[in-house]
């Protein structure tokens, strides 16, 4: 799944529907949790989540929605709903996206992809 393309499509749709500005936030998480007491595994939990938040601004009014349905129809409805929500909000003079900054954001190198390759049995032993 090309998340960047999906985000770009949703933002373009929101702008086409009348938003002055739009921003998409995507998340794709995998979680592995183990509870160990006195050396014995009590509970193992593994989950995956994905979703997208969309923030739009229209005439200094903010609309926000979140979805986990990435089907084409659902994403179109999602963009439309978010723009509609912005139209009923109260305008605030500070509402809007921050100014663009030149250059690429710093790579903080916070994630080591090799972690996702560790077998669950090893994770439990650690």
N, C-alpha and C. Protein backbone atom coordinates (compact mmCIF):
# COMPACT_ATOMS: atom_id res chain seq x y z
N UNK A 1 0.85 -1.18 0.00
CA UNK A 1 0.00 0.00 0.00
C UNK A 1 0.90 1.24 0.00
N UNK A 2 0.64 2.16 -0.90
CA UNK A 2 1.43 3.38 -1.02
C UNK A 2 0.76 4.48 -0.19
N UNK A 3 1.17 4.59 1.07
CA UNK A 3 0.54 5.54 1.99
C UNK A 3 0.73 6.99 1.55
N UNK A 4 1.89 7.30 1.00
CA UNK A 4 2.14 8.68 0.56
C UNK A 4 1.15 9.06 -0.54
N UNK A 5 0.94 8.17 -1.48
CA UNK A 5 0.00 8.43 -2.58
C UNK A 5 -1.42 8.59 -2.04
N UNK A 6 -1.79 7.75 -1.09
CA UNK A 6 -3.13 7.84 -0.48
C UNK A 6 -3.31 9.20 0.20
N UNK A 7 -2.31 9.63 0.96
CA UNK A 7 -2.39 10.92 1.65
C UNK A 7 -2.50 12.07 0.65
N UNK A 8 -1.69 12.01 -0.40
CA UNK A 8 -1.74 13.07 -1.42
C UNK A 8 -3.10 13.12 -2.09
N UNK A 9 -3.68 11.97 -2.38
CA UNK A 9 -5.00 11.91 -3.02
C UNK A 9 -6.07 12.53 -2.12
N UNK A 10 -6.03 12.22 -0.83
CA UNK A 10 -7.03 12.74 0.10
C UNK A 10 -6.88 14.25 0.26
N UNK A 11 -5.65 14.73 0.37
CA UNK A 11 -5.42 16.17 0.49
C UNK A 11 -5.92 16.90 -0.76
N UNK A 12 -5.59 16.37 -1.93
CA UNK A 12 -6.05 16.98 -3.19
C UNK A 12 -7.58 17.01 -3.26
N UNK A 13 -8.22 15.93 -2.82
CA UNK A 13 -9.68 15.86 -2.83
C UNK A 13 -10.26 16.93 -1.91
N UNK A 14 -9.69 17.09 -0.72
CA UNK A 14 -10.18 18.11 0.23
C UNK A 14 -10.03 19.51 -0.36
N UNK A 15 -8.92 19.78 -1.01
CA UNK A 15 -8.70 21.09 -1.63
C UNK A 15 -9.69 21.31 -2.78
N UNK A 16 -9.95 20.27 -3.54
CA UNK A 16 -10.90 20.35 -4.65
C UNK A 16 -12.31 20.63 -4.13
N UNK A 17 -12.62 20.12 -2.94
CA UNK A 17 -13.94 20.32 -2.34
C UNK A 17 -14.08 21.68 -1.65
N UNK A 18 -13.02 22.49 -1.70
CA UNK A 18 -13.13 23.85 -1.18
C UNK A 18 -12.28 24.20 0.02
N UNK A 19 -11.54 23.26 0.57
CA UNK A 19 -10.66 23.59 1.69
C UNK A 19 -9.57 24.55 1.22
N UNK A 20 -9.22 25.51 2.07
CA UNK A 20 -8.11 26.42 1.76
C UNK A 20 -6.78 25.72 1.97
N UNK A 21 -6.72 24.89 3.01
CA UNK A 21 -5.50 24.13 3.35
C UNK A 21 -5.93 22.76 3.86
N UNK A 22 -5.06 21.78 3.66
CA UNK A 22 -5.35 20.43 4.15
C UNK A 22 -4.05 19.71 4.48
N UNK A 23 -4.12 18.87 5.51
CA UNK A 23 -2.96 18.10 5.94
C UNK A 23 -3.43 16.70 6.35
N UNK A 24 -2.74 15.68 5.86
CA UNK A 24 -3.05 14.30 6.23
C UNK A 24 -1.96 13.76 7.13
N UNK A 25 -2.37 12.97 8.10
CA UNK A 25 -1.46 12.30 9.02
C UNK A 25 -1.77 10.81 8.96
N UNK A 26 -0.76 10.02 8.64
CA UNK A 26 -0.96 8.57 8.55
C UNK A 26 -0.20 7.86 9.65
N UNK A 27 -0.77 6.77 10.13
CA UNK A 27 -0.07 5.92 11.09
C UNK A 27 -0.25 4.47 10.69
N UNK A 28 0.80 3.72 10.90
CA UNK A 28 0.80 2.29 10.63
C UNK A 28 1.65 1.67 11.74
N UNK A 29 1.00 1.07 12.71
CA UNK A 29 1.68 0.59 13.92
C UNK A 29 1.57 -0.91 14.08
N UNK A 30 2.65 -1.49 14.57
CA UNK A 30 2.65 -2.89 15.01
C UNK A 30 3.10 -2.89 16.46
N UNK A 31 2.35 -3.60 17.28
CA UNK A 31 2.65 -3.63 18.71
C UNK A 31 2.80 -5.08 19.17
N UNK A 32 3.81 -5.31 20.00
CA UNK A 32 4.03 -6.62 20.59
C UNK A 32 4.26 -6.39 22.08
N UNK A 33 3.42 -6.99 22.91
CA UNK A 33 3.51 -6.79 24.35
C UNK A 33 3.53 -8.14 25.05
N UNK A 34 4.46 -8.30 25.99
CA UNK A 34 4.57 -9.53 26.78
C UNK A 34 4.62 -9.15 28.25
N UNK A 35 3.79 -9.80 29.05
CA UNK A 35 3.85 -9.62 30.50
C UNK A 35 4.47 -10.87 31.11
N UNK A 36 5.55 -10.66 31.85
CA UNK A 36 6.26 -11.77 32.48
C UNK A 36 6.31 -11.51 33.99
N UNK A 37 5.97 -12.54 34.77
CA UNK A 37 6.04 -12.42 36.23
C UNK A 37 6.77 -13.64 36.77
N UNK A 38 7.79 -13.39 37.55
CA UNK A 38 8.60 -14.47 38.14
C UNK A 38 9.12 -15.43 37.07
N UNK A 39 9.48 -14.90 35.93
CA UNK A 39 10.04 -15.72 34.86
C UNK A 39 9.03 -16.46 34.02
N UNK A 40 7.75 -16.29 34.31
CA UNK A 40 6.69 -16.97 33.55
C UNK A 40 5.91 -15.97 32.71
N UNK A 41 5.66 -16.35 31.47
CA UNK A 41 4.87 -15.49 30.58
C UNK A 41 3.41 -15.56 31.00
N UNK A 42 2.83 -14.41 31.32
CA UNK A 42 1.43 -14.36 31.73
C UNK A 42 0.51 -13.97 30.58
N UNK A 43 1.00 -13.11 29.72
CA UNK A 43 0.14 -12.59 28.67
C UNK A 43 0.99 -12.17 27.47
N UNK A 44 0.50 -12.46 26.27
CA UNK A 44 1.15 -12.02 25.04
C UNK A 44 0.08 -11.33 24.20
N UNK A 45 0.40 -10.14 23.73
CA UNK A 45 -0.55 -9.38 22.91
C UNK A 45 0.18 -8.84 21.69
N UNK A 46 -0.40 -9.06 20.52
CA UNK A 46 0.17 -8.54 19.28
C UNK A 46 -0.96 -7.88 18.50
N UNK A 47 -0.72 -6.66 18.03
CA UNK A 47 -1.76 -5.97 17.27
C UNK A 47 -1.15 -5.10 16.19
N UNK A 48 -1.98 -4.78 15.21
CA UNK A 48 -1.58 -3.89 14.12
C UNK A 48 -2.71 -2.89 13.92
N UNK A 49 -2.34 -1.63 13.73
CA UNK A 49 -3.34 -0.60 13.44
C UNK A 49 -2.84 0.28 12.31
N UNK A 50 -3.79 0.79 11.56
CA UNK A 50 -3.45 1.79 10.55
C UNK A 50 -4.61 2.76 10.48
N UNK A 51 -4.29 3.99 10.16
CA UNK A 51 -5.33 4.99 10.06
C UNK A 51 -4.79 6.29 9.51
N UNK A 52 -5.72 7.20 9.23
CA UNK A 52 -5.35 8.50 8.70
C UNK A 52 -6.21 9.58 9.34
N UNK A 53 -5.55 10.64 9.76
CA UNK A 53 -6.24 11.82 10.22
C UNK A 53 -6.16 12.88 9.13
N UNK A 54 -7.21 13.66 8.98
CA UNK A 54 -7.22 14.74 7.99
C UNK A 54 -7.66 16.02 8.69
N UNK A 55 -6.84 17.04 8.58
CA UNK A 55 -7.16 18.36 9.10
C UNK A 55 -7.34 19.30 7.92
N UNK A 56 -8.45 20.02 7.89
CA UNK A 56 -8.67 20.99 6.82
C UNK A 56 -9.02 22.34 7.43
N UNK A 57 -8.69 23.39 6.69
CA UNK A 57 -9.03 24.75 7.09
C UNK A 57 -9.77 25.42 5.94
N UNK A 58 -10.87 26.07 6.28
CA UNK A 58 -11.66 26.82 5.30
C UNK A 58 -12.11 28.10 5.99
N UNK A 59 -11.68 29.24 5.47
CA UNK A 59 -12.05 30.53 6.05
C UNK A 59 -11.73 30.59 7.54
N UNK A 60 -10.55 30.10 7.91
CA UNK A 60 -10.06 30.09 9.30
C UNK A 60 -10.88 29.18 10.22
N UNK A 61 -11.64 28.26 9.62
CA UNK A 61 -12.40 27.27 10.40
C UNK A 61 -11.75 25.91 10.20
N UNK A 62 -11.69 25.14 11.29
CA UNK A 62 -10.98 23.86 11.28
C UNK A 62 -11.95 22.68 11.27
N UNK A 63 -11.62 21.69 10.45
CA UNK A 63 -12.35 20.42 10.46
C UNK A 63 -11.34 19.28 10.60
N UNK A 64 -11.68 18.27 11.39
CA UNK A 64 -10.78 17.13 11.57
C UNK A 64 -11.59 15.84 11.59
N UNK A 65 -11.06 14.82 10.92
CA UNK A 65 -11.66 13.48 10.94
C UNK A 65 -10.54 12.44 10.94
N UNK A 66 -10.92 11.22 11.30
CA UNK A 66 -9.98 10.10 11.32
C UNK A 66 -10.69 8.89 10.71
N UNK A 67 -9.94 8.09 9.96
CA UNK A 67 -10.50 6.86 9.39
C UNK A 67 -9.47 5.75 9.40
N UNK A 68 -9.97 4.53 9.45
CA UNK A 68 -9.10 3.36 9.28
C UNK A 68 -9.53 2.57 8.04
N UNK A 69 -10.51 3.10 7.32
CA UNK A 69 -10.99 2.47 6.08
C UNK A 69 -10.30 3.13 4.90
N UNK A 70 -9.45 2.40 4.21
CA UNK A 70 -8.66 2.96 3.12
C UNK A 70 -9.23 2.60 1.74
N UNK A 71 -10.48 2.18 1.68
CA UNK A 71 -11.09 1.91 0.38
C UNK A 71 -11.31 3.25 -0.34
N UNK A 72 -11.34 3.20 -1.66
CA UNK A 72 -11.44 4.43 -2.45
C UNK A 72 -12.69 5.24 -2.10
N UNK A 73 -13.83 4.59 -2.02
CA UNK A 73 -15.09 5.27 -1.69
C UNK A 73 -15.04 5.87 -0.29
N UNK A 74 -14.51 5.10 0.66
CA UNK A 74 -14.43 5.59 2.04
C UNK A 74 -13.53 6.82 2.14
N UNK A 75 -12.43 6.83 1.40
CA UNK A 75 -11.52 7.98 1.45
C UNK A 75 -12.15 9.22 0.81
N UNK A 76 -12.93 9.04 -0.24
CA UNK A 76 -13.65 10.17 -0.84
C UNK A 76 -14.65 10.75 0.16
N UNK A 77 -15.42 9.87 0.81
CA UNK A 77 -16.40 10.31 1.81
C UNK A 77 -15.70 10.97 3.00
N UNK A 78 -14.56 10.44 3.37
CA UNK A 78 -13.75 10.96 4.48
C UNK A 78 -13.34 12.40 4.21
N UNK A 79 -12.82 12.67 3.03
CA UNK A 79 -12.41 14.04 2.66
C UNK A 79 -13.62 14.97 2.65
N UNK A 80 -14.71 14.50 2.08
CA UNK A 80 -15.92 15.32 1.99
C UNK A 80 -16.46 15.65 3.38
N UNK A 81 -16.51 14.65 4.25
CA UNK A 81 -17.01 14.85 5.62
C UNK A 81 -16.15 15.85 6.38
N UNK A 82 -14.84 15.75 6.20
CA UNK A 82 -13.93 16.65 6.92
C UNK A 82 -14.12 18.09 6.47
N UNK A 83 -14.27 18.30 5.17
CA UNK A 83 -14.51 19.66 4.66
C UNK A 83 -15.84 20.18 5.19
N UNK A 84 -16.86 19.33 5.22
CA UNK A 84 -18.17 19.74 5.75
C UNK A 84 -18.07 20.13 7.23
N UNK A 85 -17.29 19.38 8.00
CA UNK A 85 -17.11 19.71 9.42
C UNK A 85 -16.47 21.08 9.59
N UNK A 86 -15.54 21.42 8.71
CA UNK A 86 -14.89 22.73 8.82
C UNK A 86 -15.88 23.86 8.59
N UNK A 87 -16.89 23.63 7.80
CA UNK A 87 -17.85 24.68 7.46
C UNK A 87 -18.76 25.04 8.64
N UNK A 88 -18.91 24.13 9.60
CA UNK A 88 -19.78 24.42 10.74
C UNK A 88 -18.99 24.85 11.98
N UNK A 89 -17.68 24.90 11.87
CA UNK A 89 -16.84 25.28 13.00
C UNK A 89 -16.81 26.81 13.16
N UNK A 90 -16.37 27.24 14.33
CA UNK A 90 -16.20 28.67 14.59
C UNK A 90 -14.84 29.11 14.07
N UNK A 91 -14.79 30.19 13.30
CA UNK A 91 -13.50 30.65 12.80
C UNK A 91 -12.62 31.19 13.93
N UNK A 92 -11.34 30.93 13.83
CA UNK A 92 -10.34 31.44 14.78
C UNK A 92 -9.22 32.07 13.96
N UNK A 93 -8.75 33.23 14.32
CA UNK A 93 -7.76 33.92 13.50
C UNK A 93 -6.44 33.16 13.35
N UNK A 94 -6.13 32.28 14.29
CA UNK A 94 -4.86 31.54 14.24
C UNK A 94 -4.97 30.21 13.50
N UNK A 95 -6.16 29.81 13.10
CA UNK A 95 -6.32 28.53 12.41
C UNK A 95 -5.63 28.53 11.05
N UNK A 96 -4.83 27.53 10.81
CA UNK A 96 -4.14 27.36 9.53
C UNK A 96 -2.88 26.54 9.73
N UNK A 97 -2.34 26.07 8.63
CA UNK A 97 -1.09 25.31 8.70
C UNK A 97 0.09 26.25 8.91
N UNK A 98 1.16 25.77 9.54
CA UNK A 98 2.35 26.62 9.69
C UNK A 98 2.97 26.90 8.33
N UNK A 99 3.74 27.97 8.28
CA UNK A 99 4.44 28.31 7.04
C UNK A 99 5.42 27.21 6.68
N UNK A 100 5.60 27.00 5.38
CA UNK A 100 6.57 26.01 4.91
C UNK A 100 7.98 26.44 5.26
N UNK A 101 8.79 25.46 5.59
CA UNK A 101 10.19 25.72 5.93
C UNK A 101 11.05 25.09 4.85
N UNK A 102 12.06 25.80 4.43
CA UNK A 102 12.97 25.29 3.40
C UNK A 102 13.75 24.09 3.92
N UNK A 103 14.08 23.18 3.01
CA UNK A 103 14.93 22.05 3.36
C UNK A 103 14.15 20.84 3.84
N UNK A 104 14.89 19.82 4.13
CA UNK A 104 14.33 18.55 4.57
C UNK A 104 14.42 18.46 6.10
N UNK A 105 13.39 17.92 6.76
CA UNK A 105 13.47 17.78 8.21
C UNK A 105 14.62 16.85 8.61
N UNK A 106 15.13 17.06 9.79
CA UNK A 106 16.24 16.25 10.29
C UNK A 106 15.79 14.80 10.46
N UNK A 107 16.66 13.87 10.07
CA UNK A 107 16.40 12.45 10.30
C UNK A 107 16.92 12.11 11.69
N UNK A 108 16.02 11.89 12.62
CA UNK A 108 16.40 11.65 14.01
C UNK A 108 16.86 10.22 14.26
N UNK A 109 16.70 9.35 13.26
CA UNK A 109 17.16 7.97 13.35
C UNK A 109 16.66 7.30 14.64
N UNK A 110 15.36 7.37 14.86
CA UNK A 110 14.76 6.86 16.10
C UNK A 110 14.33 5.40 16.02
N UNK A 111 14.34 4.83 14.83
CA UNK A 111 13.84 3.47 14.66
C UNK A 111 14.88 2.61 13.98
N UNK A 112 15.09 1.43 14.54
CA UNK A 112 16.00 0.46 13.95
C UNK A 112 15.15 -0.65 13.32
N UNK A 113 15.11 -0.74 11.97
CA UNK A 113 14.26 -1.72 11.31
C UNK A 113 14.58 -3.17 11.67
N UNK A 114 15.78 -3.44 12.16
CA UNK A 114 16.12 -4.82 12.52
C UNK A 114 15.28 -5.33 13.69
N UNK A 115 14.72 -4.42 14.48
CA UNK A 115 13.87 -4.82 15.61
C UNK A 115 12.66 -5.61 15.13
N UNK A 116 12.08 -5.21 14.01
CA UNK A 116 10.88 -5.89 13.51
C UNK A 116 11.17 -7.30 13.00
N UNK A 117 12.43 -7.62 12.81
CA UNK A 117 12.80 -8.95 12.31
C UNK A 117 13.10 -9.95 13.43
N UNK A 118 13.12 -9.48 14.67
CA UNK A 118 13.40 -10.36 15.81
C UNK A 118 12.19 -11.27 16.04
N UNK A 119 12.43 -12.56 16.16
CA UNK A 119 11.36 -13.52 16.39
C UNK A 119 10.72 -13.29 17.76
N UNK A 120 9.41 -13.58 17.85
CA UNK A 120 8.69 -13.37 19.10
C UNK A 120 9.30 -14.15 20.26
N UNK A 121 9.77 -15.36 19.99
CA UNK A 121 10.39 -16.18 21.04
C UNK A 121 11.60 -15.45 21.64
N UNK A 122 12.40 -14.83 20.80
CA UNK A 122 13.58 -14.07 21.28
C UNK A 122 13.12 -12.85 22.06
N UNK A 123 12.09 -12.16 21.57
CA UNK A 123 11.57 -10.98 22.27
C UNK A 123 11.14 -11.35 23.69
N UNK A 124 10.48 -12.49 23.83
CA UNK A 124 10.03 -12.92 25.15
C UNK A 124 11.21 -13.22 26.05
N UNK A 125 12.25 -13.83 25.51
CA UNK A 125 13.44 -14.16 26.31
C UNK A 125 14.17 -12.90 26.77
N UNK A 126 14.12 -11.88 25.95
CA UNK A 126 14.81 -10.62 26.30
C UNK A 126 14.13 -10.00 27.50
